[in-house]
Amino acid sequence: MYSILLFLHSIIRWLVFISLIYAVYRAFTGYKQQRLFSRKDNAVRHWTATIAHIQLIIGILLYVKSPVIGYFWHNKAEAISDLQVSFFALIHLLLMLAAIICITIGSAMAKRRAADQLKFRTMLYWFVFALVLIFIAVPWPFSPLVARPYLR
């Protein structure tokens, strides 16, 4: 079960990234060109949030099943000093949750705006902020906190 979740996670994280980049692109061009907020723009907004929520569920399941996280919660005093363990147990978790919250708020607020330009601007601001949080929370190979290779 754990290996299936890891496989799904590795696929869906890219879908989150691609959909978020595309949503930011649509919001930016829509705002700059003063386009009408079309059904396609609304679908991009909706599916970006939906894919992010699916990733959240898989991430929570992986978090609960992870041996690293289990070690952290059973040995907090020792584990907190290990940056790699602390990163995944706390920093990664909190930043990714914050990113999902930003996507959710941005999607909900954009949906409820009356003017098309306000929809684009709201979506743009919240989704860019979520993207920044995701970039900070990724365990990059060059990160001083935790380093993982690009491909495992």
N, C-alpha and C. Protein backbone atom coordinates (compact mmCIF):
# COMPACT_ATOMS: atom_id res chain seq x y z
N MET A 1 0.83 -1.20 0.00
CA MET A 1 0.00 0.00 0.00
C MET A 1 0.87 1.27 0.00
N TYR A 2 1.92 1.25 0.83
CA TYR A 2 2.80 2.41 0.93
C TYR A 2 3.49 2.69 -0.41
N SER A 3 3.92 1.64 -1.11
CA SER A 3 4.59 1.85 -2.39
C SER A 3 3.63 2.38 -3.45
N ILE A 4 2.37 1.98 -3.38
CA ILE A 4 1.37 2.52 -4.31
C ILE A 4 1.16 4.00 -4.05
N LEU A 5 1.09 4.37 -2.78
CA LEU A 5 0.93 5.79 -2.42
C LEU A 5 2.13 6.61 -2.89
N LEU A 6 3.33 6.06 -2.73
CA LEU A 6 4.53 6.77 -3.19
C LEU A 6 4.49 6.96 -4.71
N PHE A 7 4.04 5.94 -5.42
CA PHE A 7 3.94 6.05 -6.88
C PHE A 7 2.93 7.12 -7.27
N LEU A 8 1.74 7.10 -6.66
CA LEU A 8 0.72 8.11 -6.95
C LEU A 8 1.21 9.51 -6.60
N HIS A 9 1.88 9.60 -5.47
CA HIS A 9 2.43 10.89 -5.03
C HIS A 9 3.41 11.45 -6.06
N SER A 10 4.27 10.57 -6.59
CA SER A 10 5.28 11.05 -7.54
C SER A 10 4.65 11.53 -8.85
N ILE A 11 3.50 10.99 -9.21
CA ILE A 11 2.81 11.43 -10.42
C ILE A 11 2.00 12.70 -10.15
N ILE A 12 1.23 12.68 -9.08
CA ILE A 12 0.31 13.78 -8.82
C ILE A 12 1.04 15.06 -8.43
N ARG A 13 2.22 14.94 -7.81
CA ARG A 13 2.94 16.18 -7.47
C ARG A 13 3.30 16.96 -8.73
N TRP A 14 3.61 16.23 -9.82
CA TRP A 14 3.89 16.91 -11.08
C TRP A 14 2.62 17.51 -11.68
N LEU A 15 1.50 16.82 -11.51
CA LEU A 15 0.23 17.38 -11.98
C LEU A 15 -0.12 18.66 -11.23
N VAL A 16 0.15 18.66 -9.93
CA VAL A 16 -0.08 19.88 -9.14
C VAL A 16 0.79 21.01 -9.68
N PHE A 17 2.06 20.72 -9.87
CA PHE A 17 3.00 21.74 -10.35
C PHE A 17 2.59 22.26 -11.73
N ILE A 18 2.29 21.36 -12.66
CA ILE A 18 1.92 21.77 -14.01
C ILE A 18 0.61 22.55 -14.02
N SER A 19 -0.39 22.07 -13.28
CA SER A 19 -1.67 22.78 -13.26
C SER A 19 -1.54 24.14 -12.59
N LEU A 20 -0.71 24.24 -11.57
CA LEU A 20 -0.52 25.52 -10.90
C LEU A 20 0.21 26.51 -11.80
N ILE A 21 1.23 26.06 -12.49
CA ILE A 21 1.94 26.92 -13.45
C ILE A 21 0.98 27.38 -14.55
N TYR A 22 0.17 26.46 -15.06
CA TYR A 22 -0.77 26.81 -16.11
C TYR A 22 -1.84 27.78 -15.61
N ALA A 23 -2.31 27.57 -14.40
CA ALA A 23 -3.31 28.48 -13.82
C ALA A 23 -2.73 29.87 -13.61
N VAL A 24 -1.49 29.94 -13.17
CA VAL A 24 -0.83 31.25 -13.00
C VAL A 24 -0.67 31.92 -14.37
N TYR A 25 -0.28 31.16 -15.37
CA TYR A 25 -0.15 31.70 -16.73
C TYR A 25 -1.49 32.24 -17.23
N ARG A 26 -2.56 31.45 -17.07
CA ARG A 26 -3.90 31.88 -17.52
C ARG A 26 -4.34 33.13 -16.76
N ALA A 27 -4.09 33.16 -15.46
CA ALA A 27 -4.49 34.32 -14.65
C ALA A 27 -3.70 35.56 -15.05
N PHE A 28 -2.40 35.39 -15.27
CA PHE A 28 -1.55 36.53 -15.65
C PHE A 28 -1.95 37.08 -17.01
N THR A 29 -2.09 36.20 -18.00
CA THR A 29 -2.44 36.69 -19.34
C THR A 29 -3.87 37.24 -19.37
N GLY A 30 -4.76 36.62 -18.63
CA GLY A 30 -6.13 37.12 -18.57
C GLY A 30 -6.21 38.50 -17.94
N TYR A 31 -5.42 38.70 -16.90
CA TYR A 31 -5.40 39.99 -16.22
C TYR A 31 -4.75 41.06 -17.09
N LYS A 32 -3.61 40.73 -17.69
CA LYS A 32 -2.89 41.72 -18.52
C LYS A 32 -3.65 42.07 -19.80
N GLN A 33 -4.29 41.08 -20.41
CA GLN A 33 -5.01 41.31 -21.66
C GLN A 33 -6.46 41.72 -21.43
N GLN A 34 -6.86 41.78 -20.18
CA GLN A 34 -8.22 42.14 -19.78
C GLN A 34 -9.27 41.29 -20.51
N ARG A 35 -9.01 39.97 -20.50
CA ARG A 35 -9.94 39.03 -21.09
C ARG A 35 -11.13 38.80 -20.18
N LEU A 36 -12.16 38.22 -20.74
CA LEU A 36 -13.28 37.74 -19.94
C LEU A 36 -12.86 36.44 -19.26
N PHE A 37 -13.33 36.23 -18.06
CA PHE A 37 -13.05 35.00 -17.32
C PHE A 37 -13.94 33.91 -17.91
N SER A 38 -13.34 33.08 -18.76
CA SER A 38 -14.10 32.10 -19.54
C SER A 38 -14.37 30.83 -18.74
N ARG A 39 -15.14 29.94 -19.35
CA ARG A 39 -15.40 28.63 -18.74
C ARG A 39 -14.09 27.85 -18.61
N LYS A 40 -13.19 28.03 -19.56
CA LYS A 40 -11.89 27.35 -19.49
C LYS A 40 -11.08 27.86 -18.30
N ASP A 41 -11.09 29.18 -18.09
CA ASP A 41 -10.38 29.75 -16.94
C ASP A 41 -10.97 29.21 -15.63
N ASN A 42 -12.27 29.12 -15.58
CA ASN A 42 -12.93 28.58 -14.38
C ASN A 42 -12.58 27.11 -14.19
N ALA A 43 -12.52 26.36 -15.27
CA ALA A 43 -12.15 24.94 -15.18
C ALA A 43 -10.71 24.77 -14.71
N VAL A 44 -9.81 25.62 -15.21
CA VAL A 44 -8.41 25.57 -14.78
C VAL A 44 -8.33 25.89 -13.28
N ARG A 45 -9.04 26.88 -12.83
CA ARG A 45 -9.08 27.23 -11.41
C ARG A 45 -9.58 26.05 -10.58
N HIS A 46 -10.69 25.47 -11.02
CA HIS A 46 -11.30 24.36 -10.29
C HIS A 46 -10.40 23.13 -10.26
N TRP A 47 -9.86 22.72 -11.39
CA TRP A 47 -9.06 21.51 -11.45
C TRP A 47 -7.71 21.67 -10.76
N THR A 48 -7.17 22.86 -10.76
CA THR A 48 -5.93 23.09 -10.01
C THR A 48 -6.17 22.84 -8.51
N ALA A 49 -7.26 23.37 -8.00
CA ALA A 49 -7.59 23.15 -6.58
C ALA A 49 -7.91 21.69 -6.31
N THR A 50 -8.62 21.05 -7.22
CA THR A 50 -8.99 19.65 -7.03
C THR A 50 -7.76 18.74 -7.02
N ILE A 51 -6.86 18.94 -7.95
CA ILE A 51 -5.63 18.14 -7.99
C ILE A 51 -4.80 18.38 -6.73
N ALA A 52 -4.74 19.61 -6.28
CA ALA A 52 -4.00 19.92 -5.05
C ALA A 52 -4.63 19.21 -3.85
N HIS A 53 -5.95 19.13 -3.81
CA HIS A 53 -6.61 18.45 -2.69
C HIS A 53 -6.38 16.94 -2.74
N ILE A 54 -6.34 16.37 -3.92
CA ILE A 54 -6.02 14.95 -4.05
C ILE A 54 -4.59 14.70 -3.54
N GLN A 55 -3.69 15.58 -3.92
CA GLN A 55 -2.30 15.46 -3.45
C GLN A 55 -2.23 15.60 -1.93
N LEU A 56 -3.04 16.46 -1.36
CA LEU A 56 -3.08 16.63 0.09
C LEU A 56 -3.49 15.32 0.77
N ILE A 57 -4.51 14.66 0.26
CA ILE A 57 -4.97 13.40 0.85
C ILE A 57 -3.87 12.35 0.77
N ILE A 58 -3.23 12.23 -0.38
CA ILE A 58 -2.14 11.25 -0.53
C ILE A 58 -0.98 11.63 0.38
N GLY A 59 -0.67 12.90 0.47
CA GLY A 59 0.41 13.36 1.34
C GLY A 59 0.14 13.05 2.80
N ILE A 60 -1.08 13.23 3.25
CA ILE A 60 -1.43 12.91 4.64
C ILE A 60 -1.29 11.41 4.88
N LEU A 61 -1.75 10.60 3.94
CA LEU A 61 -1.60 9.14 4.09
C LEU A 61 -0.13 8.73 4.14
N LEU A 62 0.70 9.32 3.30
CA LEU A 62 2.13 9.03 3.34
C LEU A 62 2.76 9.51 4.64
N TYR A 63 2.33 10.65 5.12
CA TYR A 63 2.86 11.21 6.37
C TYR A 63 2.59 10.25 7.52
N VAL A 64 1.38 9.75 7.58
CA VAL A 64 0.99 8.85 8.68
C VAL A 64 1.76 7.53 8.61
N LYS A 65 2.01 7.03 7.40
CA LYS A 65 2.66 5.73 7.21
C LYS A 65 4.19 5.81 7.19
N SER A 66 4.76 6.98 7.08
CA SER A 66 6.20 7.14 6.89
C SER A 66 7.00 6.70 8.12
N PRO A 67 8.04 5.89 7.90
CA PRO A 67 8.90 5.49 9.02
C PRO A 67 9.70 6.68 9.59
N VAL A 68 10.05 7.63 8.74
CA VAL A 68 10.77 8.82 9.21
C VAL A 68 9.90 9.62 10.17
N ILE A 69 8.65 9.79 9.82
CA ILE A 69 7.72 10.55 10.66
C ILE A 69 7.44 9.79 11.95
N GLY A 70 7.31 8.47 11.85
CA GLY A 70 7.12 7.65 13.05
C GLY A 70 8.29 7.80 14.00
N TYR A 71 9.50 7.79 13.46
CA TYR A 71 10.69 7.99 14.28
C TYR A 71 10.65 9.36 14.96
N PHE A 72 10.28 10.37 14.20
CA PHE A 72 10.24 11.73 14.75
C PHE A 72 9.29 11.81 15.95
N TRP A 73 8.08 11.32 15.79
CA TRP A 73 7.08 11.45 16.86
C TRP A 73 7.36 10.56 18.06
N HIS A 74 8.13 9.48 17.87
CA HIS A 74 8.48 8.63 19.01
C HIS A 74 9.77 9.06 19.69
N ASN A 75 10.59 9.85 19.01
CA ASN A 75 11.88 10.30 19.56
C ASN A 75 12.06 11.79 19.32
N LYS A 76 11.11 12.60 19.75
CA LYS A 76 11.13 14.03 19.45
C LYS A 76 12.40 14.73 19.92
N ALA A 77 12.86 14.41 21.10
CA ALA A 77 14.03 15.09 21.67
C ALA A 77 15.27 14.91 20.80
N GLU A 78 15.50 13.70 20.33
CA GLU A 78 16.65 13.43 19.46
C GLU A 78 16.40 13.87 18.03
N ALA A 79 15.20 13.60 17.55
CA ALA A 79 14.89 13.82 16.14
C ALA A 79 14.84 15.29 15.75
N ILE A 80 14.48 16.15 16.70
CA ILE A 80 14.37 17.58 16.38
C ILE A 80 15.73 18.17 15.99
N SER A 81 16.80 17.58 16.47
CA SER A 81 18.14 18.09 16.12
C SER A 81 18.62 17.58 14.77
N ASP A 82 17.97 16.57 14.22
CA ASP A 82 18.31 16.06 12.89
C ASP A 82 17.51 16.85 11.86
N LEU A 83 18.22 17.68 11.07
CA LEU A 83 17.54 18.57 10.12
C LEU A 83 16.73 17.81 9.08
N GLN A 84 17.22 16.67 8.62
CA GLN A 84 16.48 15.94 7.60
C GLN A 84 15.16 15.41 8.14
N VAL A 85 15.19 14.86 9.33
CA VAL A 85 13.96 14.34 9.93
C VAL A 85 13.01 15.48 10.27
N SER A 86 13.54 16.55 10.86
CA SER A 86 12.71 17.71 11.22
C SER A 86 12.09 18.37 9.99
N PHE A 87 12.85 18.39 8.91
CA PHE A 87 12.34 18.99 7.68
C PHE A 87 11.06 18.30 7.24
N PHE A 88 11.08 16.97 7.15
CA PHE A 88 9.90 16.25 6.67
C PHE A 88 8.79 16.19 7.71
N ALA A 89 9.14 16.13 8.97
CA ALA A 89 8.12 16.03 10.02
C ALA A 89 7.41 17.35 10.27
N LEU A 90 8.10 18.47 10.07
CA LEU A 90 7.50 19.76 10.41
C LEU A 90 7.48 20.76 9.26
N ILE A 91 8.65 21.11 8.75
CA ILE A 91 8.76 22.20 7.78
C ILE A 91 8.01 21.88 6.49
N HIS A 92 8.31 20.72 5.91
CA HIS A 92 7.66 20.32 4.67
C HIS A 92 6.14 20.23 4.86
N LEU A 93 5.74 19.61 5.94
CA LEU A 93 4.31 19.46 6.24
C LEU A 93 3.62 20.81 6.34
N LEU A 94 4.16 21.72 7.14
CA LEU A 94 3.50 23.01 7.36
C LEU A 94 3.48 23.88 6.11
N LEU A 95 4.57 23.89 5.37
CA LEU A 95 4.61 24.71 4.15
C LEU A 95 3.68 24.16 3.07
N MET A 96 3.62 22.86 2.93
CA MET A 96 2.72 22.28 1.93
C MET A 96 1.26 22.48 2.33
N LEU A 97 0.96 22.36 3.62
CA LEU A 97 -0.40 22.66 4.07
C LEU A 97 -0.76 24.11 3.80
N ALA A 98 0.18 25.00 4.06
CA ALA A 98 -0.05 26.43 3.80
C ALA A 98 -0.28 26.67 2.30
N ALA A 99 0.46 25.97 1.45
CA ALA A 99 0.29 26.12 0.00
C ALA A 99 -1.09 25.65 -0.43
N ILE A 100 -1.54 24.52 0.09
CA ILE A 100 -2.87 24.01 -0.25
C ILE A 100 -3.95 24.96 0.25
N ILE A 101 -3.75 25.53 1.42
CA ILE A 101 -4.70 26.50 1.96
C ILE A 101 -4.76 27.73 1.05
N CYS A 102 -3.62 28.19 0.57
CA CYS A 102 -3.59 29.34 -0.35
C CYS A 102 -4.31 29.03 -1.66
N ILE A 103 -4.09 27.84 -2.18
CA ILE A 103 -4.78 27.44 -3.42
C ILE A 103 -6.29 27.40 -3.18
N THR A 104 -6.69 26.85 -2.06
CA THR A 104 -8.12 26.73 -1.74
C THR A 104 -8.76 28.10 -1.57
N ILE A 105 -8.11 28.97 -0.81
CA ILE A 105 -8.64 30.33 -0.60
C ILE A 105 -8.69 31.09 -1.92
N GLY A 106 -7.59 31.02 -2.68
CA GLY A 106 -7.56 31.72 -3.96
C GLY A 106 -8.62 31.24 -4.93
N SER A 107 -8.83 29.94 -4.96
CA SER A 107 -9.85 29.39 -5.84
C SER A 107 -11.25 29.82 -5.41
N ALA A 108 -11.51 29.73 -4.11
CA ALA A 108 -12.84 30.11 -3.60
C ALA A 108 -13.11 31.59 -3.77
N MET A 109 -12.10 32.42 -3.51
CA MET A 109 -12.31 33.87 -3.65
C MET A 109 -12.48 34.27 -5.11
N ALA A 110 -11.68 33.66 -6.00
CA ALA A 110 -11.80 33.98 -7.43
C ALA A 110 -13.16 33.58 -7.95
N LYS A 111 -13.66 32.47 -7.49
CA LYS A 111 -14.97 31.98 -7.92
C LYS A 111 -16.07 32.98 -7.56
N ARG A 112 -15.93 33.65 -6.43
CA ARG A 112 -16.98 34.52 -5.92
C ARG A 112 -16.86 35.98 -6.36
N ARG A 113 -15.76 36.34 -7.00
CA ARG A 113 -15.60 37.72 -7.47
C ARG A 113 -16.57 38.00 -8.61
N ALA A 114 -17.06 39.22 -8.65
CA ALA A 114 -18.03 39.59 -9.68
C ALA A 114 -17.33 39.97 -10.99
N ALA A 115 -16.28 40.79 -10.89
CA ALA A 115 -15.60 41.29 -12.08
C ALA A 115 -14.53 40.29 -12.55
N ASP A 116 -14.42 40.16 -13.86
CA ASP A 116 -13.47 39.22 -14.43
C ASP A 116 -12.03 39.55 -14.05
N GLN A 117 -11.66 40.81 -14.07
CA GLN A 117 -10.30 41.20 -13.73
C GLN A 117 -9.98 40.88 -12.26
N LEU A 118 -10.96 41.02 -11.40
CA LEU A 118 -10.76 40.66 -9.99
C LEU A 118 -10.58 39.15 -9.84
N LYS A 119 -11.28 38.38 -10.64
CA LYS A 119 -11.11 36.92 -10.61
C LYS A 119 -9.69 36.54 -11.00
N PHE A 120 -9.21 37.12 -12.11
CA PHE A 120 -7.86 36.83 -12.57
C PHE A 120 -6.82 37.28 -11.53
N ARG A 121 -6.98 38.49 -11.02
CA ARG A 121 -6.01 39.02 -10.06
C ARG A 121 -5.98 38.20 -8.77
N THR A 122 -7.13 37.83 -8.27
CA THR A 122 -7.21 37.02 -7.05
C THR A 122 -6.54 35.67 -7.26
N MET A 123 -6.87 35.03 -8.37
CA MET A 123 -6.28 33.74 -8.69
C MET A 123 -4.76 33.87 -8.83
N LEU A 124 -4.32 34.91 -9.51
CA LEU A 124 -2.89 35.13 -9.73
C LEU A 124 -2.15 35.29 -8.41
N TYR A 125 -2.60 36.16 -7.54
CA TYR A 125 -1.90 36.42 -6.28
C TYR A 125 -1.83 35.19 -5.39
N TRP A 126 -2.96 34.54 -5.18
CA TRP A 126 -3.00 33.39 -4.27
C TRP A 126 -2.23 32.20 -4.83
N PHE A 127 -2.35 31.96 -6.12
CA PHE A 127 -1.67 30.81 -6.71
C PHE A 127 -0.16 31.04 -6.80
N VAL A 128 0.27 32.25 -7.06
CA VAL A 128 1.72 32.54 -7.07
C VAL A 128 2.28 32.36 -5.67
N PHE A 129 1.57 32.84 -4.67
CA PHE A 129 2.03 32.67 -3.29
C PHE A 129 2.13 31.19 -2.94
N ALA A 130 1.15 30.39 -3.35
CA ALA A 130 1.19 28.95 -3.12
C ALA A 130 2.38 28.31 -3.83
N LEU A 131 2.65 28.76 -5.04
CA LEU A 131 3.78 28.23 -5.80
C LEU A 131 5.11 28.55 -5.10
N VAL A 132 5.24 29.74 -4.57
CA VAL A 132 6.45 30.12 -3.83
C VAL A 132 6.61 29.21 -2.61
N LEU A 133 5.53 28.98 -1.87
CA LEU A 133 5.60 28.10 -0.71
C LEU A 133 6.01 26.68 -1.11
N ILE A 134 5.49 26.21 -2.21
CA ILE A 134 5.85 24.87 -2.68
C ILE A 134 7.33 24.81 -3.04
N PHE A 135 7.85 25.83 -3.72
CA PHE A 135 9.27 25.86 -4.06
C PHE A 135 10.15 25.86 -2.81
N ILE A 136 9.72 26.55 -1.77
CA ILE A 136 10.48 26.56 -0.52
C ILE A 136 10.44 25.19 0.15
N ALA A 137 9.31 24.49 0.06
CA ALA A 137 9.12 23.22 0.77
C ALA A 137 9.70 22.00 0.06
N VAL A 138 10.12 22.16 -1.17
CA VAL A 138 10.66 21.02 -1.92
C VAL A 138 12.07 20.70 -1.41
N PRO A 139 12.38 19.42 -1.18
CA PRO A 139 13.74 19.05 -0.74
C PRO A 139 14.71 19.03 -1.94
N TRP A 140 15.16 20.19 -2.35
CA TRP A 140 16.04 20.32 -3.51
C TRP A 140 17.40 19.69 -3.23
N PRO A 141 18.10 19.24 -4.26
CA PRO A 141 19.45 18.69 -4.06
C PRO A 141 20.43 19.70 -3.47
N PHE A 142 20.21 20.98 -3.66
CA PHE A 142 21.11 22.03 -3.18
C PHE A 142 20.65 22.65 -1.86
N SER A 143 19.58 22.12 -1.27
CA SER A 143 19.03 22.69 -0.05
C SER A 143 19.97 22.47 1.14
N PRO A 144 20.13 23.49 1.98
CA PRO A 144 20.96 23.31 3.18
C PRO A 144 20.25 22.49 4.27
N LEU A 145 18.94 22.37 4.19
CA LEU A 145 18.18 21.63 5.19
C LEU A 145 18.16 20.14 4.91
N VAL A 146 17.79 19.79 3.70
CA VAL A 146 17.69 18.39 3.32
C VAL A 146 17.94 18.30 1.82
N ALA A 147 18.72 17.35 1.40
CA ALA A 147 19.03 17.22 -0.01
C ALA A 147 18.57 15.87 -0.52
N ARG A 148 17.83 15.90 -1.60
CA ARG A 148 17.42 14.68 -2.29
C ARG A 148 17.73 14.86 -3.76
N PRO A 149 18.08 13.78 -4.43
CA PRO A 149 18.34 13.92 -5.87
C PRO A 149 17.06 14.24 -6.64
N TYR A 150 17.22 14.81 -7.82
CA TYR A 150 16.06 15.14 -8.63
C TYR A 150 15.26 13.88 -8.96
N LEU A 151 15.93 12.82 -9.31
CA LEU A 151 15.26 11.55 -9.61
C LEU A 151 15.78 10.49 -8.64
N ARG A 152 14.83 9.74 -8.07
CA ARG A 152 15.24 8.67 -7.15
C ARG A 152 14.99 7.34 -7.79
